[in-house]
Amino acid sequence: MCMNAARIERALSEWPLLFDATRYATQISPFIQKFGRDQVYIGFFEDLTSCPRTELANIGAFLGVDTSVLGAGLPQANQSIVAVKPHQRWGNPGLVLRTIKRHVPPLWRQITDNSKRAFHEKPKLSIAQKDLITHMLELEITALEAITGRDLSGWRA
């Protein structure tokens, strides 16, 4: 088992809260109960990445907002593999940090180094891990299909 897979396996067993973040039907249901299904927009990341303009238009239509004013291009800023992500805190540092940046550049680079946050390769789950995750979330996927009327069989693959 590779190092990443071992870490993922340990994280999944030690922090079941990681699963809770993907229990979409459970998270959405209280809003539907409170406000009604027609008042809750459920969007899918797949739609946003495959057809961003269409998905933004759908969101805008739901909200009653004209999205045509957004312009032609949409930024792509979520790079996680071998990309060094600047931390929002370092974009506008305070006086002490600006002084360090200007007068002690090696220390500044050490403070702001995010290289340990970047993946050098995508973590790979074993088939057993994928099966476990799918099994644990099967009821959630089925419930979300019922709520949205959308076929999510691809999530099980």
N, C-alpha and C. Protein backbone atom coordinates (compact mmCIF):
# COMPACT_ATOMS: atom_id res chain seq x y z
N MET A 1 0.85 -1.17 0.00
CA MET A 1 0.00 0.00 0.00
C MET A 1 0.90 1.23 0.00
N CYS A 2 0.59 2.17 -0.89
CA CYS A 2 1.43 3.37 -0.97
C CYS A 2 1.15 4.28 0.23
N MET A 3 2.07 5.20 0.46
CA MET A 3 2.00 6.10 1.61
C MET A 3 0.69 6.88 1.63
N ASN A 4 0.28 7.45 0.46
CA ASN A 4 -0.96 8.22 0.41
C ASN A 4 -2.16 7.37 0.78
N ALA A 5 -2.23 6.15 0.25
CA ALA A 5 -3.36 5.27 0.54
C ALA A 5 -3.41 4.94 2.02
N ALA A 6 -2.27 4.72 2.63
CA ALA A 6 -2.23 4.42 4.07
C ALA A 6 -2.74 5.62 4.86
N ARG A 7 -2.36 6.81 4.46
CA ARG A 7 -2.82 8.01 5.16
C ARG A 7 -4.33 8.18 5.00
N ILE A 8 -4.82 7.95 3.80
CA ILE A 8 -6.25 8.08 3.56
C ILE A 8 -7.01 7.06 4.39
N GLU A 9 -6.53 5.82 4.39
CA GLU A 9 -7.19 4.77 5.15
C GLU A 9 -7.23 5.12 6.64
N ARG A 10 -6.12 5.62 7.16
CA ARG A 10 -6.07 6.00 8.57
C ARG A 10 -7.02 7.16 8.85
N ALA A 11 -7.03 8.14 7.96
CA ALA A 11 -7.90 9.31 8.15
C ALA A 11 -9.37 8.89 8.14
N LEU A 12 -9.73 8.00 7.23
CA LEU A 12 -11.13 7.57 7.15
C LEU A 12 -11.55 6.80 8.38
N SER A 13 -10.63 6.04 8.95
CA SER A 13 -10.99 5.28 10.15
C SER A 13 -10.95 6.14 11.42
N GLU A 14 -10.05 7.12 11.48
CA GLU A 14 -9.92 7.93 12.69
C GLU A 14 -10.87 9.12 12.73
N TRP A 15 -11.29 9.60 11.56
CA TRP A 15 -12.14 10.79 11.52
C TRP A 15 -13.39 10.54 10.68
N PRO A 16 -14.38 9.88 11.27
CA PRO A 16 -15.61 9.62 10.52
C PRO A 16 -16.31 10.90 10.07
N LEU A 17 -15.92 12.03 10.66
CA LEU A 17 -16.48 13.31 10.25
C LEU A 17 -16.19 13.59 8.77
N LEU A 18 -15.12 12.98 8.24
CA LEU A 18 -14.82 13.14 6.82
C LEU A 18 -15.97 12.64 5.96
N PHE A 19 -16.64 11.58 6.40
CA PHE A 19 -17.80 11.08 5.67
C PHE A 19 -18.97 12.04 5.80
N ASP A 20 -19.12 12.64 6.96
CA ASP A 20 -20.24 13.54 7.18
C ASP A 20 -20.25 14.70 6.19
N ALA A 21 -19.07 15.14 5.78
CA ALA A 21 -18.97 16.24 4.83
C ALA A 21 -19.53 15.87 3.47
N THR A 22 -19.67 14.57 3.19
CA THR A 22 -20.20 14.13 1.90
C THR A 22 -21.60 13.55 2.02
N ARG A 23 -22.23 13.73 3.14
CA ARG A 23 -23.61 13.27 3.32
C ARG A 23 -24.55 14.40 2.88
N TYR A 24 -24.61 14.59 1.57
CA TYR A 24 -25.32 15.73 1.00
C TYR A 24 -26.82 15.68 1.30
N ALA A 25 -27.45 14.54 1.15
CA ALA A 25 -28.89 14.44 1.40
C ALA A 25 -29.20 14.80 2.85
N THR A 26 -28.38 14.32 3.76
CA THR A 26 -28.57 14.62 5.18
C THR A 26 -28.43 16.12 5.44
N GLN A 27 -27.49 16.75 4.77
CA GLN A 27 -27.26 18.18 4.98
C GLN A 27 -28.35 19.03 4.34
N ILE A 28 -28.86 18.60 3.20
CA ILE A 28 -29.85 19.38 2.47
C ILE A 28 -31.25 19.23 3.06
N SER A 29 -31.58 18.05 3.58
CA SER A 29 -32.93 17.75 4.03
C SER A 29 -33.52 18.77 5.01
N PRO A 30 -32.79 19.24 6.03
CA PRO A 30 -33.40 20.22 6.93
C PRO A 30 -33.82 21.52 6.22
N PHE A 31 -33.07 21.92 5.20
CA PHE A 31 -33.43 23.13 4.45
C PHE A 31 -34.69 22.90 3.63
N ILE A 32 -34.79 21.71 3.04
CA ILE A 32 -35.98 21.37 2.26
C ILE A 32 -37.19 21.31 3.18
N GLN A 33 -37.03 20.71 4.35
CA GLN A 33 -38.14 20.63 5.31
C GLN A 33 -38.57 22.01 5.77
N LYS A 34 -37.62 22.89 5.98
CA LYS A 34 -37.92 24.24 6.49
C LYS A 34 -38.51 25.15 5.41
N PHE A 35 -37.91 25.11 4.18
CA PHE A 35 -38.28 26.08 3.15
C PHE A 35 -39.04 25.50 1.97
N GLY A 36 -39.02 24.18 1.81
CA GLY A 36 -39.65 23.54 0.65
C GLY A 36 -38.64 23.28 -0.45
N ARG A 37 -38.87 22.22 -1.19
CA ARG A 37 -37.90 21.79 -2.23
C ARG A 37 -37.72 22.87 -3.30
N ASP A 38 -38.80 23.58 -3.62
CA ASP A 38 -38.70 24.59 -4.67
C ASP A 38 -37.89 25.82 -4.25
N GLN A 39 -37.56 25.93 -2.99
CA GLN A 39 -36.78 27.07 -2.48
C GLN A 39 -35.32 26.71 -2.21
N VAL A 40 -34.92 25.48 -2.56
CA VAL A 40 -33.54 25.03 -2.32
C VAL A 40 -32.94 24.62 -3.66
N TYR A 41 -31.88 25.33 -4.05
CA TYR A 41 -31.19 24.99 -5.28
C TYR A 41 -30.10 23.96 -4.97
N ILE A 42 -30.11 22.88 -5.71
CA ILE A 42 -29.09 21.85 -5.53
C ILE A 42 -28.28 21.78 -6.82
N GLY A 43 -27.05 22.24 -6.73
CA GLY A 43 -26.16 22.21 -7.88
C GLY A 43 -25.11 21.13 -7.71
N PHE A 44 -24.55 20.71 -8.83
CA PHE A 44 -23.54 19.66 -8.81
C PHE A 44 -22.24 20.21 -9.36
N PHE A 45 -21.15 19.89 -8.67
CA PHE A 45 -19.83 20.35 -9.08
C PHE A 45 -19.52 19.89 -10.51
N GLU A 46 -19.95 18.69 -10.85
CA GLU A 46 -19.72 18.16 -12.20
C GLU A 46 -20.30 19.11 -13.25
N ASP A 47 -21.48 19.65 -12.97
CA ASP A 47 -22.11 20.57 -13.91
C ASP A 47 -21.35 21.89 -13.98
N LEU A 48 -20.89 22.34 -12.84
CA LEU A 48 -20.16 23.59 -12.79
C LEU A 48 -18.84 23.50 -13.55
N THR A 49 -18.19 22.33 -13.49
CA THR A 49 -16.92 22.18 -14.20
C THR A 49 -17.10 21.84 -15.68
N SER A 50 -18.14 21.09 -16.01
CA SER A 50 -18.31 20.70 -17.41
C SER A 50 -18.99 21.80 -18.24
N CYS A 51 -19.94 22.51 -17.64
CA CYS A 51 -20.66 23.57 -18.36
C CYS A 51 -20.87 24.75 -17.42
N PRO A 52 -19.80 25.45 -17.08
CA PRO A 52 -19.92 26.51 -16.06
C PRO A 52 -20.92 27.60 -16.40
N ARG A 53 -20.98 28.03 -17.66
CA ARG A 53 -21.91 29.09 -18.04
C ARG A 53 -23.35 28.64 -17.86
N THR A 54 -23.63 27.41 -18.26
CA THR A 54 -24.98 26.88 -18.12
C THR A 54 -25.36 26.77 -16.65
N GLU A 55 -24.45 26.26 -15.85
CA GLU A 55 -24.76 26.08 -14.43
C GLU A 55 -24.94 27.44 -13.74
N LEU A 56 -24.09 28.41 -14.08
CA LEU A 56 -24.25 29.75 -13.51
C LEU A 56 -25.57 30.37 -13.96
N ALA A 57 -25.97 30.13 -15.20
CA ALA A 57 -27.26 30.63 -15.68
C ALA A 57 -28.40 29.97 -14.91
N ASN A 58 -28.28 28.67 -14.62
CA ASN A 58 -29.30 27.97 -13.83
C ASN A 58 -29.40 28.55 -12.43
N ILE A 59 -28.24 28.80 -11.82
CA ILE A 59 -28.22 29.40 -10.48
C ILE A 59 -28.84 30.80 -10.52
N GLY A 60 -28.44 31.57 -11.53
CA GLY A 60 -28.99 32.91 -11.68
C GLY A 60 -30.50 32.89 -11.87
N ALA A 61 -30.99 31.98 -12.70
CA ALA A 61 -32.43 31.86 -12.92
C ALA A 61 -33.15 31.51 -11.63
N PHE A 62 -32.56 30.61 -10.85
CA PHE A 62 -33.16 30.24 -9.57
C PHE A 62 -33.24 31.44 -8.63
N LEU A 63 -32.18 32.26 -8.63
CA LEU A 63 -32.13 33.42 -7.75
C LEU A 63 -32.81 34.66 -8.33
N GLY A 64 -33.15 34.58 -9.60
CA GLY A 64 -33.73 35.75 -10.25
C GLY A 64 -32.69 36.81 -10.57
N VAL A 65 -31.47 36.36 -10.89
CA VAL A 65 -30.36 37.27 -11.17
C VAL A 65 -29.90 37.06 -12.61
N ASP A 66 -29.62 38.15 -13.30
CA ASP A 66 -29.11 38.08 -14.67
C ASP A 66 -27.61 37.78 -14.63
N THR A 67 -27.22 36.61 -15.08
CA THR A 67 -25.82 36.23 -15.03
C THR A 67 -25.07 36.60 -16.31
N SER A 68 -25.75 37.19 -17.29
CA SER A 68 -25.07 37.56 -18.53
C SER A 68 -24.04 38.66 -18.30
N VAL A 69 -24.12 39.36 -17.19
CA VAL A 69 -23.18 40.45 -16.89
C VAL A 69 -21.84 39.93 -16.38
N LEU A 70 -21.72 38.62 -16.21
CA LEU A 70 -20.49 38.06 -15.65
C LEU A 70 -19.33 38.06 -16.64
N GLY A 71 -19.59 38.27 -17.90
CA GLY A 71 -18.50 38.27 -18.88
C GLY A 71 -18.28 36.90 -19.47
N ALA A 72 -17.28 36.82 -20.34
CA ALA A 72 -17.05 35.59 -21.10
C ALA A 72 -16.22 34.55 -20.36
N GLY A 73 -15.23 34.98 -19.59
CA GLY A 73 -14.31 34.01 -19.00
C GLY A 73 -14.57 33.74 -17.54
N LEU A 74 -14.34 32.52 -17.16
CA LEU A 74 -14.44 32.13 -15.76
C LEU A 74 -13.07 31.65 -15.32
N PRO A 75 -12.58 32.14 -14.20
CA PRO A 75 -11.24 31.73 -13.76
C PRO A 75 -11.19 30.28 -13.30
N GLN A 76 -10.06 29.64 -13.52
CA GLN A 76 -9.78 28.31 -13.00
C GLN A 76 -8.68 28.47 -11.96
N ALA A 77 -9.01 28.34 -10.70
CA ALA A 77 -8.02 28.61 -9.67
C ALA A 77 -7.79 27.45 -8.71
N ASN A 78 -8.42 26.32 -8.91
CA ASN A 78 -8.30 25.23 -7.96
C ASN A 78 -7.33 24.17 -8.47
N GLN A 79 -6.06 24.46 -8.37
CA GLN A 79 -5.03 23.51 -8.77
C GLN A 79 -4.43 22.90 -7.51
N SER A 80 -4.41 21.57 -7.42
CA SER A 80 -3.90 20.98 -6.18
C SER A 80 -2.69 20.08 -6.40
N ILE A 81 -2.36 19.79 -7.63
CA ILE A 81 -1.23 18.90 -7.85
C ILE A 81 -0.01 19.71 -8.24
N VAL A 82 1.01 19.63 -7.44
CA VAL A 82 2.29 20.29 -7.62
C VAL A 82 2.13 21.80 -7.82
N ALA A 83 1.06 22.35 -7.34
CA ALA A 83 0.88 23.80 -7.43
C ALA A 83 1.10 24.38 -6.04
N VAL A 84 1.84 25.45 -5.98
CA VAL A 84 2.05 26.12 -4.71
C VAL A 84 0.97 27.17 -4.59
N LYS A 85 0.12 27.00 -3.59
CA LYS A 85 -1.00 27.90 -3.40
C LYS A 85 -0.61 28.99 -2.41
N PRO A 86 -0.74 30.23 -2.81
CA PRO A 86 -0.47 31.29 -1.84
C PRO A 86 -1.56 31.31 -0.78
N HIS A 87 -1.18 31.47 0.42
CA HIS A 87 -2.13 31.55 1.52
C HIS A 87 -2.68 32.95 1.55
N GLN A 88 -4.00 33.09 1.75
CA GLN A 88 -4.61 34.41 1.72
C GLN A 88 -3.99 35.36 2.74
N ARG A 89 -3.45 34.83 3.81
CA ARG A 89 -2.86 35.66 4.84
C ARG A 89 -1.60 36.39 4.34
N TRP A 90 -0.91 35.80 3.38
CA TRP A 90 0.36 36.38 2.93
C TRP A 90 0.17 37.42 1.83
N GLY A 91 -1.02 37.54 1.30
CA GLY A 91 -1.26 38.52 0.25
C GLY A 91 -1.16 39.95 0.75
N ASN A 92 -1.54 40.19 1.99
CA ASN A 92 -1.50 41.53 2.56
C ASN A 92 -0.96 41.43 3.99
N PRO A 93 0.34 41.18 4.13
CA PRO A 93 0.90 40.96 5.47
C PRO A 93 0.96 42.25 6.29
N GLY A 94 0.94 42.08 7.59
CA GLY A 94 1.06 43.22 8.49
C GLY A 94 2.48 43.77 8.49
N LEU A 95 2.71 44.77 9.32
CA LEU A 95 3.98 45.48 9.35
C LEU A 95 5.16 44.55 9.66
N VAL A 96 5.01 43.69 10.66
CA VAL A 96 6.12 42.80 11.04
C VAL A 96 6.46 41.86 9.88
N LEU A 97 5.43 41.28 9.29
CA LEU A 97 5.68 40.34 8.19
C LEU A 97 6.22 41.06 6.95
N ARG A 98 5.76 42.27 6.68
CA ARG A 98 6.32 43.04 5.55
C ARG A 98 7.80 43.33 5.78
N THR A 99 8.15 43.61 7.02
CA THR A 99 9.56 43.87 7.36
C THR A 99 10.40 42.62 7.12
N ILE A 100 9.89 41.47 7.57
CA ILE A 100 10.60 40.21 7.34
C ILE A 100 10.72 39.95 5.84
N LYS A 101 9.64 40.17 5.12
CA LYS A 101 9.65 39.93 3.67
C LYS A 101 10.72 40.78 2.99
N ARG A 102 10.82 42.03 3.38
CA ARG A 102 11.75 42.95 2.74
C ARG A 102 13.19 42.71 3.17
N HIS A 103 13.43 42.44 4.46
CA HIS A 103 14.80 42.42 4.98
C HIS A 103 15.37 41.03 5.23
N VAL A 104 14.51 40.02 5.34
CA VAL A 104 15.00 38.66 5.58
C VAL A 104 14.25 37.70 4.64
N PRO A 105 14.49 37.81 3.33
CA PRO A 105 13.76 36.98 2.36
C PRO A 105 13.81 35.48 2.63
N PRO A 106 14.95 34.91 3.08
CA PRO A 106 14.94 33.46 3.34
C PRO A 106 13.93 33.08 4.43
N LEU A 107 13.83 33.90 5.47
CA LEU A 107 12.85 33.61 6.53
C LEU A 107 11.43 33.76 5.99
N TRP A 108 11.21 34.77 5.16
CA TRP A 108 9.88 34.97 4.56
C TRP A 108 9.48 33.75 3.72
N ARG A 109 10.42 33.23 2.92
CA ARG A 109 10.12 32.04 2.11
C ARG A 109 9.79 30.85 2.99
N GLN A 110 10.48 30.73 4.11
CA GLN A 110 10.22 29.62 5.02
C GLN A 110 8.83 29.77 5.66
N ILE A 111 8.48 30.97 6.06
CA ILE A 111 7.18 31.22 6.69
C ILE A 111 6.04 30.94 5.71
N THR A 112 6.22 31.35 4.47
CA THR A 112 5.12 31.26 3.50
C THR A 112 5.17 30.02 2.62
N ASP A 113 6.08 29.11 2.89
CA ASP A 113 6.22 27.91 2.07
C ASP A 113 5.00 27.00 2.23
N ASN A 114 4.29 26.79 1.16
CA ASN A 114 3.12 25.91 1.16
C ASN A 114 3.38 24.60 0.42
N SER A 115 4.63 24.30 0.15
CA SER A 115 4.92 23.13 -0.68
C SER A 115 4.46 21.83 -0.03
N LYS A 116 4.35 21.80 1.29
CA LYS A 116 3.90 20.58 1.95
C LYS A 116 2.39 20.39 1.81
N ARG A 117 1.69 21.46 1.42
CA ARG A 117 0.25 21.37 1.21
C ARG A 117 -0.09 20.80 -0.15
N ALA A 118 0.80 20.93 -1.11
CA ALA A 118 0.53 20.49 -2.47
C ALA A 118 0.75 18.99 -2.59
N PHE A 119 -0.09 18.34 -3.38
CA PHE A 119 0.12 16.93 -3.68
C PHE A 119 1.17 16.83 -4.78
N HIS A 120 2.03 15.87 -4.67
CA HIS A 120 2.99 15.63 -5.74
C HIS A 120 2.42 14.60 -6.71
N GLU A 121 1.44 13.88 -6.24
CA GLU A 121 0.67 12.98 -7.09
C GLU A 121 -0.68 12.81 -6.43
N LYS A 122 -1.69 12.51 -7.24
CA LYS A 122 -3.02 12.33 -6.67
C LYS A 122 -3.02 11.08 -5.80
N PRO A 123 -3.62 11.17 -4.61
CA PRO A 123 -3.75 9.97 -3.78
C PRO A 123 -4.62 8.95 -4.50
N LYS A 124 -4.27 7.70 -4.36
CA LYS A 124 -5.03 6.63 -5.01
C LYS A 124 -5.61 5.72 -3.93
N LEU A 125 -6.89 5.50 -4.02
CA LEU A 125 -7.56 4.58 -3.10
C LEU A 125 -7.52 3.18 -3.68
N SER A 126 -7.42 2.21 -2.80
CA SER A 126 -7.51 0.83 -3.26
C SER A 126 -8.98 0.52 -3.60
N ILE A 127 -9.20 -0.54 -4.31
CA ILE A 127 -10.57 -0.95 -4.64
C ILE A 127 -11.35 -1.20 -3.36
N ALA A 128 -10.71 -1.80 -2.35
CA ALA A 128 -11.39 -2.06 -1.08
C ALA A 128 -11.80 -0.75 -0.41
N GLN A 129 -10.94 0.26 -0.45
CA GLN A 129 -11.27 1.55 0.14
C GLN A 129 -12.43 2.21 -0.60
N LYS A 130 -12.39 2.16 -1.93
CA LYS A 130 -13.47 2.72 -2.73
C LYS A 130 -14.79 2.01 -2.42
N ASP A 131 -14.73 0.69 -2.33
CA ASP A 131 -15.94 -0.08 -2.02
C ASP A 131 -16.49 0.27 -0.64
N LEU A 132 -15.59 0.44 0.33
CA LEU A 132 -16.01 0.81 1.68
C LEU A 132 -16.71 2.16 1.69
N ILE A 133 -16.11 3.13 1.02
CA ILE A 133 -16.69 4.47 0.97
C ILE A 133 -18.05 4.44 0.27
N THR A 134 -18.11 3.76 -0.86
CA THR A 134 -19.38 3.67 -1.59
C THR A 134 -20.44 2.99 -0.74
N HIS A 135 -20.06 1.92 -0.05
CA HIS A 135 -21.01 1.21 0.83
C HIS A 135 -21.51 2.13 1.94
N MET A 136 -20.60 2.88 2.55
CA MET A 136 -20.98 3.76 3.66
C MET A 136 -21.87 4.91 3.20
N LEU A 137 -21.75 5.29 1.94
CA LEU A 137 -22.52 6.43 1.44
C LEU A 137 -23.68 6.02 0.52
N GLU A 138 -23.91 4.74 0.37
CA GLU A 138 -24.95 4.26 -0.54
C GLU A 138 -26.32 4.86 -0.23
N LEU A 139 -26.72 4.86 1.02
CA LEU A 139 -28.03 5.41 1.38
C LEU A 139 -28.11 6.91 1.09
N GLU A 140 -27.00 7.61 1.27
CA GLU A 140 -26.96 9.04 0.97
C GLU A 140 -27.13 9.29 -0.53
N ILE A 141 -26.45 8.49 -1.33
CA ILE A 141 -26.55 8.65 -2.78
C ILE A 141 -27.98 8.38 -3.23
N THR A 142 -28.57 7.32 -2.72
CA THR A 142 -29.95 6.98 -3.07
C THR A 142 -30.91 8.09 -2.64
N ALA A 143 -30.72 8.63 -1.45
CA ALA A 143 -31.57 9.72 -0.96
C ALA A 143 -31.41 10.96 -1.82
N LEU A 144 -30.19 11.27 -2.22
CA LEU A 144 -29.95 12.46 -3.06
C LEU A 144 -30.57 12.26 -4.44
N GLU A 145 -30.53 11.03 -4.96
CA GLU A 145 -31.20 10.75 -6.23
C GLU A 145 -32.70 11.02 -6.10
N ALA A 146 -33.28 10.61 -4.99
CA ALA A 146 -34.72 10.82 -4.77
C ALA A 146 -35.04 12.31 -4.65
N ILE A 147 -34.19 13.06 -3.97
CA ILE A 147 -34.42 14.50 -3.79
C ILE A 147 -34.29 15.25 -5.10
N THR A 148 -33.29 14.90 -5.90
CA THR A 148 -32.98 15.67 -7.11
C THR A 148 -33.61 15.09 -8.38
N GLY A 149 -33.99 13.81 -8.34
CA GLY A 149 -34.48 13.17 -9.55
C GLY A 149 -33.37 12.92 -10.56
N ARG A 150 -32.17 12.92 -10.09
CA ARG A 150 -31.00 12.77 -10.97
C ARG A 150 -30.36 11.41 -10.75
N ASP A 151 -29.93 10.78 -11.82
CA ASP A 151 -29.25 9.49 -11.74
C ASP A 151 -27.80 9.73 -11.31
N LEU A 152 -27.43 9.21 -10.15
CA LEU A 152 -26.08 9.38 -9.63
C LEU A 152 -25.32 8.06 -9.60
N SER A 153 -25.67 7.16 -10.50
CA SER A 153 -25.01 5.86 -10.53
C SER A 153 -23.51 6.01 -10.78
N GLY A 154 -23.09 7.07 -11.44
CA GLY A 154 -21.68 7.30 -11.68
C GLY A 154 -20.92 7.52 -10.38
N TRP A 155 -21.60 7.97 -9.35
CA TRP A 155 -20.95 8.16 -8.05
C TRP A 155 -20.60 6.82 -7.41
N ARG A 156 -21.29 5.77 -7.84
CA ARG A 156 -21.07 4.45 -7.25
C ARG A 156 -19.94 3.72 -7.96
N ALA A 157 -19.57 4.20 -9.12
CA ALA A 157 -18.58 3.48 -9.96
C ALA A 157 -17.18 3.69 -9.41
